[in-house]
Every structure is written in C-alpha cells, then in structure tokens.
Amino acid sequence: MVNTSIVIGSTGLVGRLLISNLSNKDMDILAVTRKPIKNIAKNVKSFVIDFSSFLNDNKLPSCDHLYICLGTTIKKAGSQKNFRQVDFEYSLAFAKRAKESGATKISLVSSVGANHKSKNFYLRVKGELEEAIKKIDYEQINIYRPSLLVGTRSESRFLEQFGQKFSIIINLFLWGSLKKYRSIEAQKLSQFISTAKDKRGVNYYYYKDFI
C-alpha cells in the first residue's frame, strides 16, 4: 500500500504548516513547489516544477492522498483569468493527475461561501473547483471551508492583515449560523486537516470542526 502524501501549495500559509504537521506522521511527503524549500523534515521531499509545463507533459509519483492548498489573489495574479488558472485549472489538473497515480483520497482547502452559482467571482471559482473535484472518482473527498485565515504569510496581503487585527473582535458577534464566518488560525486548520479521520464520500468541514 502506498503511504505517500502530496501537498500542492506547500509554501503558502496553510500548506507549509500542513507539511510540518504531516511530517510527524509515519508517511512520506512530497511537497510540490516552484522553488526549493529549506529546512524541511527528513521524510519531506521538495518536488520543484514549472506548473504549466509539468501538467502538460508529466505525471505525479504514486501517492495515496493529495492535499490541495493552492491559492492566490486577483491582485497577485494580475487578472481574473490568471487567478482562475491557479485556483481552478492548476488545482483540478493536479487532482486528475493524482487520481491517475493511484490516490484514493483528496483534501481541498476551499472557502466558506464557496458556490459555483455565486455572483462573487472568487467564491464562484472556489465552488466550481469543488464541483469539478467531486466528479472525479475519489473514495474520500475532504473539503475544508475556512473563513479568514490568521497567520503570517510569506507575502504581504494588506486587506488580510487589516482583517486579522479586528478578527478577534468581529468573532464575538458571529454566532449561530454566522459562526462559520469566524476567522481561524491557520495552525489550527492545518492541524485538523493533518489528523482528519478517514471517512468515505464527500465531507465538508467548517469553523466548528477546526476548533
């Protein structure tokens, strides 16, 4: 039985924390990146690729579980088209490649409010990715829907930094059905993802699960 996990988006806020948490488990981890990762655990291998050319011509190594933590912003991507390429096209392509390489489980970090029919472009793309992945024949599909993620990113995101400062106060007013919109520490989310129990089918997780 293959006991290898592949993490896409492994240098991002959730991805790098997830790798750290997974490295404490008895498994091999392949961190797919655009540039080498320094100071990683012995059971973590950095797999440096050019996303576009790799997905056109290559296959992923054999694996059991694919974790997709890939994401960007429209500002950083430069346009809605480029944003969609990263958040939807790349993520879906990796999901298909991993399935071809033997993966039976997939975990996707999405967003609260994701809906393929949403008028909001960001939430619509996230929802479209969820729907597309559900059509792939995985035995287990875990979809995590956090709200604002609290933590230190490698790149500066002004609006997120601004939101994080006030998130603790805002959280106090979010109860009942609004509780899922509470901000969550990226470390708590990544810890939950790394220890999630095997549960066949499509599983959705929200704030109440992460804490």
N, C-alpha and C. Protein backbone atom coordinates (compact mmCIF):
# COMPACT_ATOMS: atom_id res chain seq x y z
N MET A 1 0.84 -1.20 0.00
CA MET A 1 0.00 0.00 0.00
C MET A 1 0.87 1.25 0.00
N VAL A 2 0.56 2.19 -0.89
CA VAL A 2 1.30 3.44 -0.96
C VAL A 2 0.99 4.28 0.26
N ASN A 3 2.01 4.84 0.90
CA ASN A 3 1.79 5.70 2.06
C ASN A 3 2.52 7.02 1.83
N THR A 4 2.16 7.65 0.72
CA THR A 4 2.76 8.91 0.34
C THR A 4 1.69 9.97 0.17
N SER A 5 1.92 11.12 0.74
CA SER A 5 1.00 12.24 0.58
C SER A 5 1.68 13.33 -0.24
N ILE A 6 0.93 13.94 -1.14
CA ILE A 6 1.44 15.04 -1.95
C ILE A 6 0.71 16.31 -1.55
N VAL A 7 1.49 17.37 -1.32
CA VAL A 7 0.92 18.66 -0.92
C VAL A 7 1.18 19.67 -2.01
N ILE A 8 0.09 20.23 -2.56
CA ILE A 8 0.18 21.28 -3.57
C ILE A 8 -0.07 22.62 -2.88
N GLY A 9 0.77 23.60 -3.15
CA GLY A 9 0.65 24.87 -2.45
C GLY A 9 1.38 24.81 -1.12
N SER A 10 2.50 24.12 -1.11
CA SER A 10 3.19 23.81 0.14
C SER A 10 4.03 24.95 0.70
N THR A 11 4.11 26.07 -0.01
CA THR A 11 4.85 27.22 0.54
C THR A 11 3.89 28.30 1.03
N GLY A 12 2.59 28.08 0.88
CA GLY A 12 1.61 29.04 1.34
C GLY A 12 1.37 28.93 2.83
N LEU A 13 0.50 29.78 3.35
CA LEU A 13 0.25 29.84 4.79
C LEU A 13 -0.20 28.49 5.35
N VAL A 14 -1.20 27.87 4.76
CA VAL A 14 -1.71 26.58 5.26
C VAL A 14 -0.79 25.45 4.83
N GLY A 15 -0.32 25.49 3.60
CA GLY A 15 0.49 24.40 3.08
C GLY A 15 1.76 24.13 3.87
N ARG A 16 2.49 25.17 4.21
CA ARG A 16 3.75 24.95 4.94
C ARG A 16 3.50 24.45 6.36
N LEU A 17 2.40 24.90 6.98
CA LEU A 17 2.05 24.40 8.30
C LEU A 17 1.57 22.95 8.22
N LEU A 18 0.85 22.64 7.15
CA LEU A 18 0.36 21.27 6.96
C LEU A 18 1.52 20.30 6.80
N ILE A 19 2.51 20.69 6.02
CA ILE A 19 3.69 19.84 5.83
C ILE A 19 4.36 19.55 7.16
N SER A 20 4.48 20.56 8.00
CA SER A 20 5.09 20.39 9.31
C SER A 20 4.30 19.40 10.15
N ASN A 21 2.97 19.50 10.11
CA ASN A 21 2.13 18.59 10.88
C ASN A 21 2.17 17.16 10.32
N LEU A 22 2.13 17.05 9.01
CA LEU A 22 2.16 15.72 8.39
C LEU A 22 3.50 15.03 8.60
N SER A 23 4.56 15.80 8.71
CA SER A 23 5.90 15.22 8.86
C SER A 23 6.04 14.45 10.17
N ASN A 24 5.14 14.71 11.11
CA ASN A 24 5.17 13.99 12.39
C ASN A 24 4.49 12.64 12.31
N LYS A 25 3.89 12.35 11.16
CA LYS A 25 3.21 11.07 10.97
C LYS A 25 4.11 10.13 10.20
N ASP A 26 3.80 8.85 10.25
CA ASP A 26 4.63 7.84 9.60
C ASP A 26 4.26 7.74 8.12
N MET A 27 4.77 8.68 7.33
CA MET A 27 4.48 8.70 5.90
C MET A 27 5.55 9.51 5.18
N ASP A 28 5.61 9.31 3.87
CA ASP A 28 6.48 10.13 3.04
C ASP A 28 5.64 11.27 2.47
N ILE A 29 6.25 12.45 2.40
CA ILE A 29 5.52 13.62 1.93
C ILE A 29 6.27 14.25 0.76
N LEU A 30 5.54 14.54 -0.29
CA LEU A 30 6.10 15.20 -1.46
C LEU A 30 5.51 16.60 -1.53
N ALA A 31 6.36 17.61 -1.37
CA ALA A 31 5.92 18.99 -1.39
C ALA A 31 6.17 19.56 -2.79
N VAL A 32 5.09 19.77 -3.53
CA VAL A 32 5.21 20.29 -4.90
C VAL A 32 5.34 21.81 -4.84
N THR A 33 6.43 22.34 -5.39
CA THR A 33 6.70 23.77 -5.30
C THR A 33 7.30 24.30 -6.61
N ARG A 34 7.34 25.62 -6.70
CA ARG A 34 8.02 26.28 -7.83
C ARG A 34 9.48 26.57 -7.51
N LYS A 35 9.83 26.49 -6.21
CA LYS A 35 11.20 26.73 -5.78
C LYS A 35 11.52 25.84 -4.58
N PRO A 36 12.77 25.51 -4.36
CA PRO A 36 13.14 24.60 -3.27
C PRO A 36 12.71 25.12 -1.90
N ILE A 37 12.41 24.18 -1.00
CA ILE A 37 12.04 24.54 0.37
C ILE A 37 13.23 24.22 1.27
N LYS A 38 13.57 25.17 2.12
CA LYS A 38 14.70 24.98 3.03
C LYS A 38 14.21 24.46 4.39
N ASN A 39 15.09 23.75 5.06
CA ASN A 39 14.86 23.30 6.43
C ASN A 39 13.56 22.50 6.59
N ILE A 40 13.45 21.43 5.80
CA ILE A 40 12.28 20.57 5.91
C ILE A 40 12.66 19.24 6.55
N ALA A 41 11.68 18.53 7.05
CA ALA A 41 11.92 17.25 7.73
C ALA A 41 12.47 16.21 6.77
N LYS A 42 13.08 15.17 7.32
CA LYS A 42 13.72 14.14 6.50
C LYS A 42 12.72 13.37 5.63
N ASN A 43 11.49 13.24 6.11
CA ASN A 43 10.50 12.48 5.34
C ASN A 43 9.71 13.36 4.38
N VAL A 44 10.18 14.60 4.19
CA VAL A 44 9.56 15.51 3.22
C VAL A 44 10.53 15.77 2.08
N LYS A 45 10.07 15.55 0.87
CA LYS A 45 10.88 15.81 -0.31
C LYS A 45 10.29 16.97 -1.09
N SER A 46 11.16 17.88 -1.52
CA SER A 46 10.72 19.02 -2.31
C SER A 46 10.74 18.64 -3.79
N PHE A 47 9.61 18.79 -4.44
CA PHE A 47 9.46 18.42 -5.86
C PHE A 47 9.24 19.71 -6.64
N VAL A 48 10.33 20.26 -7.18
CA VAL A 48 10.30 21.56 -7.84
C VAL A 48 9.91 21.41 -9.31
N ILE A 49 8.87 22.13 -9.71
CA ILE A 49 8.39 22.02 -11.09
C ILE A 49 7.94 23.37 -11.61
N ASP A 50 7.80 23.46 -12.91
CA ASP A 50 7.08 24.55 -13.55
C ASP A 50 5.67 24.04 -13.79
N PHE A 51 4.70 24.63 -13.13
CA PHE A 51 3.35 24.07 -13.14
C PHE A 51 2.80 23.84 -14.54
N SER A 52 2.88 24.83 -15.38
CA SER A 52 2.27 24.73 -16.72
C SER A 52 2.87 23.60 -17.53
N SER A 53 4.20 23.58 -17.65
CA SER A 53 4.84 22.56 -18.48
C SER A 53 4.71 21.18 -17.88
N PHE A 54 4.75 21.08 -16.54
CA PHE A 54 4.64 19.77 -15.90
C PHE A 54 3.27 19.15 -16.15
N LEU A 55 2.24 19.93 -15.97
CA LEU A 55 0.88 19.39 -16.12
C LEU A 55 0.55 19.04 -17.56
N ASN A 56 1.29 19.60 -18.48
CA ASN A 56 1.07 19.27 -19.89
C ASN A 56 1.77 17.98 -20.29
N ASP A 57 2.91 17.68 -19.65
CA ASP A 57 3.75 16.60 -20.16
C ASP A 57 4.09 15.49 -19.17
N ASN A 58 3.78 15.66 -17.90
CA ASN A 58 4.29 14.71 -16.90
C ASN A 58 3.20 14.15 -15.99
N LYS A 59 3.59 13.13 -15.21
CA LYS A 59 2.69 12.51 -14.25
C LYS A 59 3.25 12.70 -12.84
N LEU A 60 2.37 12.62 -11.87
CA LEU A 60 2.80 12.69 -10.48
C LEU A 60 3.27 11.31 -10.02
N PRO A 61 4.16 11.26 -9.05
CA PRO A 61 4.57 9.97 -8.48
C PRO A 61 3.38 9.29 -7.81
N SER A 62 3.49 8.00 -7.57
CA SER A 62 2.43 7.25 -6.89
C SER A 62 2.15 7.87 -5.53
N CYS A 63 0.89 7.98 -5.19
CA CYS A 63 0.53 8.58 -3.90
C CYS A 63 -0.81 8.04 -3.43
N ASP A 64 -1.09 8.26 -2.16
CA ASP A 64 -2.35 7.81 -1.56
C ASP A 64 -3.29 8.99 -1.33
N HIS A 65 -2.73 10.13 -0.95
CA HIS A 65 -3.55 11.28 -0.54
C HIS A 65 -2.98 12.55 -1.15
N LEU A 66 -3.85 13.33 -1.79
CA LEU A 66 -3.45 14.63 -2.34
C LEU A 66 -4.07 15.74 -1.50
N TYR A 67 -3.23 16.69 -1.08
CA TYR A 67 -3.70 17.86 -0.35
C TYR A 67 -3.53 19.08 -1.24
N ILE A 68 -4.62 19.79 -1.51
CA ILE A 68 -4.55 20.99 -2.34
C ILE A 68 -4.74 22.23 -1.47
N CYS A 69 -3.65 22.96 -1.29
CA CYS A 69 -3.67 24.20 -0.51
C CYS A 69 -3.29 25.38 -1.41
N LEU A 70 -3.45 25.18 -2.69
CA LEU A 70 -3.04 26.16 -3.68
C LEU A 70 -4.03 27.31 -3.75
N GLY A 71 -3.52 28.52 -3.79
CA GLY A 71 -4.40 29.67 -3.89
C GLY A 71 -3.62 30.96 -4.08
N THR A 72 -4.27 31.94 -4.66
CA THR A 72 -3.64 33.23 -4.88
C THR A 72 -4.69 34.31 -4.69
N THR A 73 -4.39 35.53 -5.07
CA THR A 73 -5.35 36.62 -5.06
C THR A 73 -5.38 37.21 -6.47
N ILE A 74 -6.48 37.89 -6.79
CA ILE A 74 -6.57 38.52 -8.11
C ILE A 74 -5.48 39.58 -8.26
N LYS A 75 -5.19 40.30 -7.18
CA LYS A 75 -4.14 41.32 -7.23
C LYS A 75 -2.79 40.71 -7.55
N LYS A 76 -2.46 39.62 -6.87
CA LYS A 76 -1.17 38.97 -7.12
C LYS A 76 -1.13 38.30 -8.48
N ALA A 77 -2.24 37.69 -8.89
CA ALA A 77 -2.30 37.01 -10.18
C ALA A 77 -2.29 38.00 -11.34
N GLY A 78 -2.85 39.18 -11.12
CA GLY A 78 -2.84 40.21 -12.16
C GLY A 78 -4.13 40.35 -12.94
N SER A 79 -4.96 39.31 -12.88
CA SER A 79 -6.24 39.35 -13.59
C SER A 79 -7.11 38.19 -13.11
N GLN A 80 -8.41 38.28 -13.42
CA GLN A 80 -9.30 37.18 -13.08
C GLN A 80 -8.91 35.92 -13.83
N LYS A 81 -8.47 36.08 -15.08
CA LYS A 81 -8.07 34.94 -15.90
C LYS A 81 -6.91 34.19 -15.25
N ASN A 82 -5.90 34.92 -14.80
CA ASN A 82 -4.74 34.29 -14.17
C ASN A 82 -5.10 33.68 -12.82
N PHE A 83 -6.00 34.36 -12.10
CA PHE A 83 -6.47 33.82 -10.82
C PHE A 83 -7.14 32.46 -11.05
N ARG A 84 -8.00 32.40 -12.04
CA ARG A 84 -8.72 31.16 -12.33
C ARG A 84 -7.75 30.05 -12.76
N GLN A 85 -6.69 30.43 -13.46
CA GLN A 85 -5.71 29.44 -13.89
C GLN A 85 -5.08 28.75 -12.69
N VAL A 86 -4.72 29.53 -11.67
CA VAL A 86 -4.08 28.97 -10.48
C VAL A 86 -5.08 28.22 -9.61
N ASP A 87 -6.15 28.91 -9.23
CA ASP A 87 -7.09 28.34 -8.25
C ASP A 87 -7.97 27.24 -8.82
N PHE A 88 -8.27 27.30 -10.09
CA PHE A 88 -9.14 26.27 -10.68
C PHE A 88 -8.37 25.32 -11.59
N GLU A 89 -7.76 25.83 -12.65
CA GLU A 89 -7.16 24.95 -13.65
C GLU A 89 -6.00 24.13 -13.10
N TYR A 90 -5.08 24.76 -12.39
CA TYR A 90 -3.95 24.02 -11.82
C TYR A 90 -4.43 23.01 -10.78
N SER A 91 -5.31 23.47 -9.89
CA SER A 91 -5.79 22.59 -8.82
C SER A 91 -6.52 21.37 -9.38
N LEU A 92 -7.37 21.58 -10.37
CA LEU A 92 -8.11 20.47 -10.96
C LEU A 92 -7.18 19.53 -11.71
N ALA A 93 -6.21 20.09 -12.40
CA ALA A 93 -5.26 19.26 -13.14
C ALA A 93 -4.47 18.36 -12.19
N PHE A 94 -4.03 18.89 -11.06
CA PHE A 94 -3.32 18.08 -10.08
C PHE A 94 -4.24 17.00 -9.50
N ALA A 95 -5.49 17.34 -9.30
CA ALA A 95 -6.45 16.36 -8.77
C ALA A 95 -6.58 15.18 -9.73
N LYS A 96 -6.64 15.47 -11.01
CA LYS A 96 -6.75 14.42 -12.02
C LYS A 96 -5.46 13.61 -12.12
N ARG A 97 -4.31 14.28 -12.06
CA ARG A 97 -3.03 13.58 -12.16
C ARG A 97 -2.81 12.66 -10.96
N ALA A 98 -3.19 13.13 -9.77
CA ALA A 98 -3.02 12.32 -8.57
C ALA A 98 -3.88 11.07 -8.64
N LYS A 99 -5.11 11.22 -9.13
CA LYS A 99 -6.00 10.07 -9.27
C LYS A 99 -5.40 9.05 -10.22
N GLU A 100 -4.81 9.51 -11.31
CA GLU A 100 -4.16 8.62 -12.27
C GLU A 100 -2.96 7.91 -11.64
N SER A 101 -2.36 8.54 -10.62
CA SER A 101 -1.18 7.97 -9.95
C SER A 101 -1.53 7.11 -8.75
N GLY A 102 -2.83 6.85 -8.56
CA GLY A 102 -3.24 5.92 -7.52
C GLY A 102 -3.85 6.52 -6.28
N ALA A 103 -3.97 7.84 -6.19
CA ALA A 103 -4.54 8.47 -5.00
C ALA A 103 -6.01 8.07 -4.83
N THR A 104 -6.40 7.78 -3.61
CA THR A 104 -7.80 7.45 -3.30
C THR A 104 -8.45 8.52 -2.44
N LYS A 105 -7.63 9.43 -1.89
CA LYS A 105 -8.14 10.48 -1.01
C LYS A 105 -7.63 11.84 -1.47
N ILE A 106 -8.49 12.84 -1.33
CA ILE A 106 -8.10 14.20 -1.68
C ILE A 106 -8.66 15.17 -0.65
N SER A 107 -7.84 16.12 -0.25
CA SER A 107 -8.26 17.16 0.69
C SER A 107 -8.06 18.52 0.04
N LEU A 108 -9.11 19.33 0.03
CA LEU A 108 -9.08 20.63 -0.63
C LEU A 108 -9.38 21.74 0.36
N VAL A 109 -8.48 22.73 0.42
CA VAL A 109 -8.74 23.92 1.21
C VAL A 109 -9.49 24.90 0.32
N SER A 110 -10.76 25.09 0.60
CA SER A 110 -11.62 25.95 -0.21
C SER A 110 -11.92 27.23 0.57
N SER A 111 -13.15 27.65 0.60
CA SER A 111 -13.52 28.88 1.31
C SER A 111 -14.97 28.82 1.75
N VAL A 112 -15.24 29.38 2.92
CA VAL A 112 -16.63 29.49 3.35
C VAL A 112 -17.37 30.35 2.32
N GLY A 113 -18.58 29.93 1.98
CA GLY A 113 -19.35 30.66 0.99
C GLY A 113 -19.11 30.22 -0.44
N ALA A 114 -18.21 29.26 -0.64
CA ALA A 114 -17.93 28.78 -2.00
C ALA A 114 -19.21 28.24 -2.63
N ASN A 115 -19.48 28.68 -3.85
CA ASN A 115 -20.71 28.28 -4.53
C ASN A 115 -20.53 28.50 -6.03
N HIS A 116 -20.69 27.45 -6.80
CA HIS A 116 -20.46 27.57 -8.25
C HIS A 116 -21.48 28.46 -8.95
N LYS A 117 -22.54 28.87 -8.22
CA LYS A 117 -23.54 29.76 -8.79
C LYS A 117 -23.44 31.18 -8.23
N SER A 118 -22.43 31.42 -7.40
CA SER A 118 -22.28 32.72 -6.76
C SER A 118 -21.99 33.83 -7.77
N LYS A 119 -22.47 35.04 -7.48
CA LYS A 119 -22.18 36.19 -8.31
C LYS A 119 -20.79 36.75 -8.01
N ASN A 120 -20.26 36.37 -6.85
CA ASN A 120 -18.91 36.78 -6.48
C ASN A 120 -17.90 35.90 -7.20
N PHE A 121 -17.01 36.50 -7.96
CA PHE A 121 -16.08 35.74 -8.80
C PHE A 121 -15.23 34.78 -7.97
N TYR A 122 -14.66 35.25 -6.89
CA TYR A 122 -13.80 34.42 -6.04
C TYR A 122 -14.54 33.19 -5.53
N LEU A 123 -15.71 33.41 -4.96
CA LEU A 123 -16.49 32.31 -4.40
C LEU A 123 -17.02 31.38 -5.48
N ARG A 124 -17.30 31.92 -6.66
CA ARG A 124 -17.77 31.09 -7.76
C ARG A 124 -16.68 30.14 -8.25
N VAL A 125 -15.46 30.65 -8.38
CA VAL A 125 -14.34 29.81 -8.81
C VAL A 125 -14.08 28.71 -7.79
N LYS A 126 -14.11 29.07 -6.51
CA LYS A 126 -13.91 28.07 -5.45
C LYS A 126 -14.99 26.99 -5.53
N GLY A 127 -16.23 27.42 -5.75
CA GLY A 127 -17.33 26.47 -5.85
C GLY A 127 -17.23 25.60 -7.08
N GLU A 128 -16.80 26.17 -8.19
CA GLU A 128 -16.65 25.40 -9.42
C GLU A 128 -15.58 24.33 -9.25
N LEU A 129 -14.51 24.66 -8.52
CA LEU A 129 -13.45 23.68 -8.27
C LEU A 129 -13.99 22.53 -7.42
N GLU A 130 -14.74 22.85 -6.39
CA GLU A 130 -15.34 21.81 -5.55
C GLU A 130 -16.19 20.86 -6.38
N GLU A 131 -17.04 21.43 -7.22
CA GLU A 131 -17.94 20.61 -8.04
C GLU A 131 -17.16 19.74 -9.01
N ALA A 132 -16.11 20.29 -9.60
CA ALA A 132 -15.30 19.54 -10.57
C ALA A 132 -14.58 18.37 -9.90
N ILE A 133 -14.05 18.62 -8.71
CA ILE A 133 -13.33 17.56 -7.98
C ILE A 133 -14.29 16.46 -7.55
N LYS A 134 -15.50 16.82 -7.20
CA LYS A 134 -16.48 15.81 -6.77
C LYS A 134 -16.84 14.85 -7.92
N LYS A 135 -16.58 15.26 -9.15
CA LYS A 135 -16.88 14.42 -10.29
C LYS A 135 -15.76 13.40 -10.57
N ILE A 136 -14.62 13.58 -9.90
CA ILE A 136 -13.51 12.63 -10.03
C ILE A 136 -13.76 11.49 -9.05
N ASP A 137 -13.47 10.29 -9.44
CA ASP A 137 -13.83 9.11 -8.66
C ASP A 137 -12.88 8.84 -7.50
N TYR A 138 -12.85 9.76 -6.52
CA TYR A 138 -12.07 9.55 -5.30
C TYR A 138 -12.94 8.84 -4.27
N GLU A 139 -12.33 7.97 -3.49
CA GLU A 139 -13.07 7.28 -2.43
C GLU A 139 -13.41 8.25 -1.30
N GLN A 140 -12.52 9.20 -1.06
CA GLN A 140 -12.72 10.15 0.03
C GLN A 140 -12.37 11.56 -0.45
N ILE A 141 -13.31 12.48 -0.28
CA ILE A 141 -13.09 13.88 -0.67
C ILE A 141 -13.38 14.76 0.54
N ASN A 142 -12.34 15.41 1.05
CA ASN A 142 -12.49 16.31 2.19
C ASN A 142 -12.41 17.75 1.69
N ILE A 143 -13.43 18.53 1.97
CA ILE A 143 -13.45 19.93 1.55
C ILE A 143 -13.52 20.81 2.79
N TYR A 144 -12.48 21.62 2.98
CA TYR A 144 -12.39 22.49 4.14
C TYR A 144 -12.78 23.91 3.74
N ARG A 145 -13.73 24.48 4.48
CA ARG A 145 -14.24 25.80 4.14
C ARG A 145 -14.00 26.80 5.28
N PRO A 146 -12.76 27.27 5.42
CA PRO A 146 -12.47 28.28 6.45
C PRO A 146 -12.87 29.67 5.96
N SER A 147 -12.98 30.59 6.90
CA SER A 147 -13.16 32.00 6.56
C SER A 147 -11.77 32.64 6.55
N LEU A 148 -11.62 33.81 7.10
CA LEU A 148 -10.32 34.49 7.12
C LEU A 148 -9.30 33.66 7.90
N LEU A 149 -8.14 33.45 7.30
CA LEU A 149 -7.07 32.69 7.93
C LEU A 149 -6.13 33.63 8.66
N VAL A 150 -5.85 33.31 9.91
CA VAL A 150 -4.97 34.14 10.72
C VAL A 150 -3.59 33.49 10.80
N GLY A 151 -2.58 34.25 10.43
CA GLY A 151 -1.22 33.72 10.44
C GLY A 151 -0.32 34.61 9.62
N THR A 152 0.97 34.31 9.63
CA THR A 152 1.95 35.11 8.91
C THR A 152 2.27 34.49 7.57
N ARG A 153 1.96 35.21 6.51
CA ARG A 153 2.23 34.72 5.16
C ARG A 153 3.63 35.15 4.71
N SER A 154 4.15 34.45 3.70
CA SER A 154 5.45 34.82 3.15
C SER A 154 5.36 36.10 2.35
N GLU A 155 4.14 36.37 1.79
CA GLU A 155 3.94 37.62 1.06
C GLU A 155 2.92 38.47 1.81
N SER A 156 2.99 39.77 1.60
CA SER A 156 2.11 40.69 2.30
C SER A 156 0.76 40.80 1.60
N ARG A 157 -0.33 40.65 2.38
CA ARG A 157 -1.68 40.85 1.88
C ARG A 157 -2.35 41.86 2.80
N PHE A 158 -2.37 43.12 2.37
CA PHE A 158 -2.79 44.22 3.23
C PHE A 158 -4.18 44.00 3.82
N LEU A 159 -5.14 43.67 2.97
CA LEU A 159 -6.51 43.51 3.44
C LEU A 159 -6.63 42.40 4.47
N GLU A 160 -5.87 41.30 4.26
CA GLU A 160 -5.90 40.21 5.24
C GLU A 160 -5.27 40.65 6.55
N GLN A 161 -4.16 41.40 6.46
CA GLN A 161 -3.51 41.88 7.68
C GLN A 161 -4.45 42.80 8.46
N PHE A 162 -5.15 43.65 7.72
CA PHE A 162 -6.11 44.55 8.34
C PHE A 162 -7.24 43.75 9.01
N GLY A 163 -7.74 42.75 8.29
CA GLY A 163 -8.82 41.92 8.81
C GLY A 163 -8.41 41.13 10.04
N GLN A 164 -7.17 40.63 10.03
CA GLN A 164 -6.71 39.83 11.16
C GLN A 164 -6.68 40.63 12.45
N LYS A 165 -6.35 41.92 12.35
CA LYS A 165 -6.27 42.77 13.55
C LYS A 165 -7.63 42.91 14.25
N PHE A 166 -8.68 42.87 13.44
CA PHE A 166 -10.02 43.07 14.00
C PHE A 166 -10.83 41.78 14.09
N SER A 167 -10.23 40.68 13.63
CA SER A 167 -10.99 39.43 13.57
C SER A 167 -11.43 38.92 14.95
N ILE A 168 -10.61 39.13 15.97
CA ILE A 168 -10.96 38.66 17.30
C ILE A 168 -12.22 39.36 17.80
N ILE A 169 -12.31 40.66 17.54
CA ILE A 169 -13.49 41.42 17.96
C ILE A 169 -14.70 41.00 17.13
N ILE A 170 -14.50 40.88 15.82
CA ILE A 170 -15.60 40.51 14.92
C ILE A 170 -16.15 39.13 15.28
N ASN A 171 -15.26 38.21 15.65
CA ASN A 171 -15.68 36.85 16.00
C ASN A 171 -16.70 36.83 17.14
N LEU A 172 -16.61 37.80 18.03
CA LEU A 172 -17.52 37.85 19.18
C LEU A 172 -18.97 38.06 18.78
N PHE A 173 -19.16 38.61 17.59
CA PHE A 173 -20.52 38.91 17.13
C PHE A 173 -21.06 37.86 16.15
N LEU A 174 -20.26 36.86 15.87
CA LEU A 174 -20.68 35.83 14.92
C LEU A 174 -21.11 34.58 15.66
N TRP A 175 -22.43 34.39 15.75
CA TRP A 175 -22.99 33.25 16.45
C TRP A 175 -24.02 32.55 15.59
N GLY A 176 -24.43 31.37 16.03
CA GLY A 176 -25.43 30.63 15.29
C GLY A 176 -24.95 30.28 13.89
N SER A 177 -25.76 30.57 12.90
CA SER A 177 -25.43 30.25 11.51
C SER A 177 -24.27 31.09 10.98
N LEU A 178 -23.95 32.18 11.69
CA LEU A 178 -22.85 33.06 11.26
C LEU A 178 -21.50 32.61 11.83
N LYS A 179 -21.51 31.63 12.70
CA LYS A 179 -20.28 31.20 13.36
C LYS A 179 -19.25 30.68 12.37
N LYS A 180 -19.72 30.11 11.27
CA LYS A 180 -18.80 29.55 10.27
C LYS A 180 -17.96 30.63 9.60
N TYR A 181 -18.36 31.91 9.76
CA TYR A 181 -17.61 33.02 9.17
C TYR A 181 -16.52 33.55 10.10
N ARG A 182 -16.36 32.96 11.25
CA ARG A 182 -15.30 33.39 12.16
C ARG A 182 -13.92 33.10 11.57
N SER A 183 -12.99 33.97 11.85
CA SER A 183 -11.62 33.74 11.42
C SER A 183 -11.04 32.57 12.20
N ILE A 184 -10.05 31.92 11.62
CA ILE A 184 -9.45 30.74 12.25
C ILE A 184 -7.94 30.78 12.08
N GLU A 185 -7.22 30.41 13.09
CA GLU A 185 -5.77 30.36 12.99
C GLU A 185 -5.38 29.27 12.00
N ALA A 186 -4.48 29.61 11.09
CA ALA A 186 -4.05 28.66 10.07
C ALA A 186 -3.45 27.41 10.69
N GLN A 187 -2.79 27.57 11.84
CA GLN A 187 -2.19 26.43 12.51
C GLN A 187 -3.26 25.44 12.97
N LYS A 188 -4.39 25.94 13.49
CA LYS A 188 -5.48 25.06 13.93
C LYS A 188 -6.10 24.34 12.74
N LEU A 189 -6.25 25.07 11.63
CA LEU A 189 -6.80 24.45 10.43
C LEU A 189 -5.89 23.35 9.91
N SER A 190 -4.61 23.64 9.79
CA SER A 190 -3.66 22.65 9.26
C SER A 190 -3.55 21.44 10.18
N GLN A 191 -3.64 21.66 11.49
CA GLN A 191 -3.60 20.56 12.44
C GLN A 191 -4.81 19.66 12.27
N PHE A 192 -5.97 20.28 12.07
CA PHE A 192 -7.19 19.49 11.87
C PHE A 192 -7.11 18.69 10.58
N ILE A 193 -6.63 19.31 9.52
CA ILE A 193 -6.52 18.63 8.23
C ILE A 193 -5.59 17.42 8.34
N SER A 194 -4.49 17.58 9.05
CA SER A 194 -3.50 16.50 9.14
C SER A 194 -3.97 15.33 9.99
N THR A 195 -4.98 15.56 10.84
CA THR A 195 -5.45 14.50 11.73
C THR A 195 -6.88 14.06 11.41
N ALA A 196 -7.45 14.55 10.32
CA ALA A 196 -8.82 14.20 9.97
C ALA A 196 -8.95 12.68 9.78
N LYS A 197 -10.02 12.11 10.32
CA LYS A 197 -10.24 10.67 10.24
C LYS A 197 -10.72 10.28 8.85
N ASP A 198 -10.41 9.05 8.47
CA ASP A 198 -10.87 8.53 7.18
C ASP A 198 -12.39 8.41 7.19
N LYS A 199 -13.01 8.98 6.22
CA LYS A 199 -14.46 8.94 6.11
C LYS A 199 -14.82 8.97 4.63
N ARG A 200 -15.32 7.89 4.13
CA ARG A 200 -15.61 7.77 2.71
C ARG A 200 -16.65 8.80 2.25
N GLY A 201 -16.60 9.10 0.95
CA GLY A 201 -17.56 10.04 0.39
C GLY A 201 -17.06 11.47 0.44
N VAL A 202 -17.99 12.41 0.26
CA VAL A 202 -17.67 13.84 0.26
C VAL A 202 -17.96 14.41 1.64
N ASN A 203 -16.95 15.01 2.24
CA ASN A 203 -17.07 15.54 3.60
C ASN A 203 -16.73 17.02 3.63
N TYR A 204 -17.64 17.82 4.17
CA TYR A 204 -17.41 19.26 4.32
C TYR A 204 -17.07 19.59 5.76
N TYR A 205 -16.11 20.51 5.95
CA TYR A 205 -15.70 20.90 7.29
C TYR A 205 -15.67 22.43 7.41
N TYR A 206 -16.14 22.91 8.58
CA TYR A 206 -16.22 24.35 8.82
C TYR A 206 -15.56 24.71 10.15
N TYR A 207 -15.71 25.97 10.51
CA TYR A 207 -15.09 26.51 11.73
C TYR A 207 -15.32 25.63 12.96
N LYS A 208 -16.56 25.20 13.16
CA LYS A 208 -16.89 24.39 14.35
C LYS A 208 -16.08 23.10 14.40
N ASP A 209 -15.67 22.61 13.24
CA ASP A 209 -14.86 21.39 13.19
C ASP A 209 -13.40 21.70 13.50
N PHE A 210 -12.91 22.82 13.02
CA PHE A 210 -11.49 23.17 13.16
C PHE A 210 -11.09 23.42 14.59
N ILE A 211 -12.05 23.88 15.43
CA ILE A 211 -11.69 24.20 16.81
C ILE A 211 -11.94 23.03 17.76
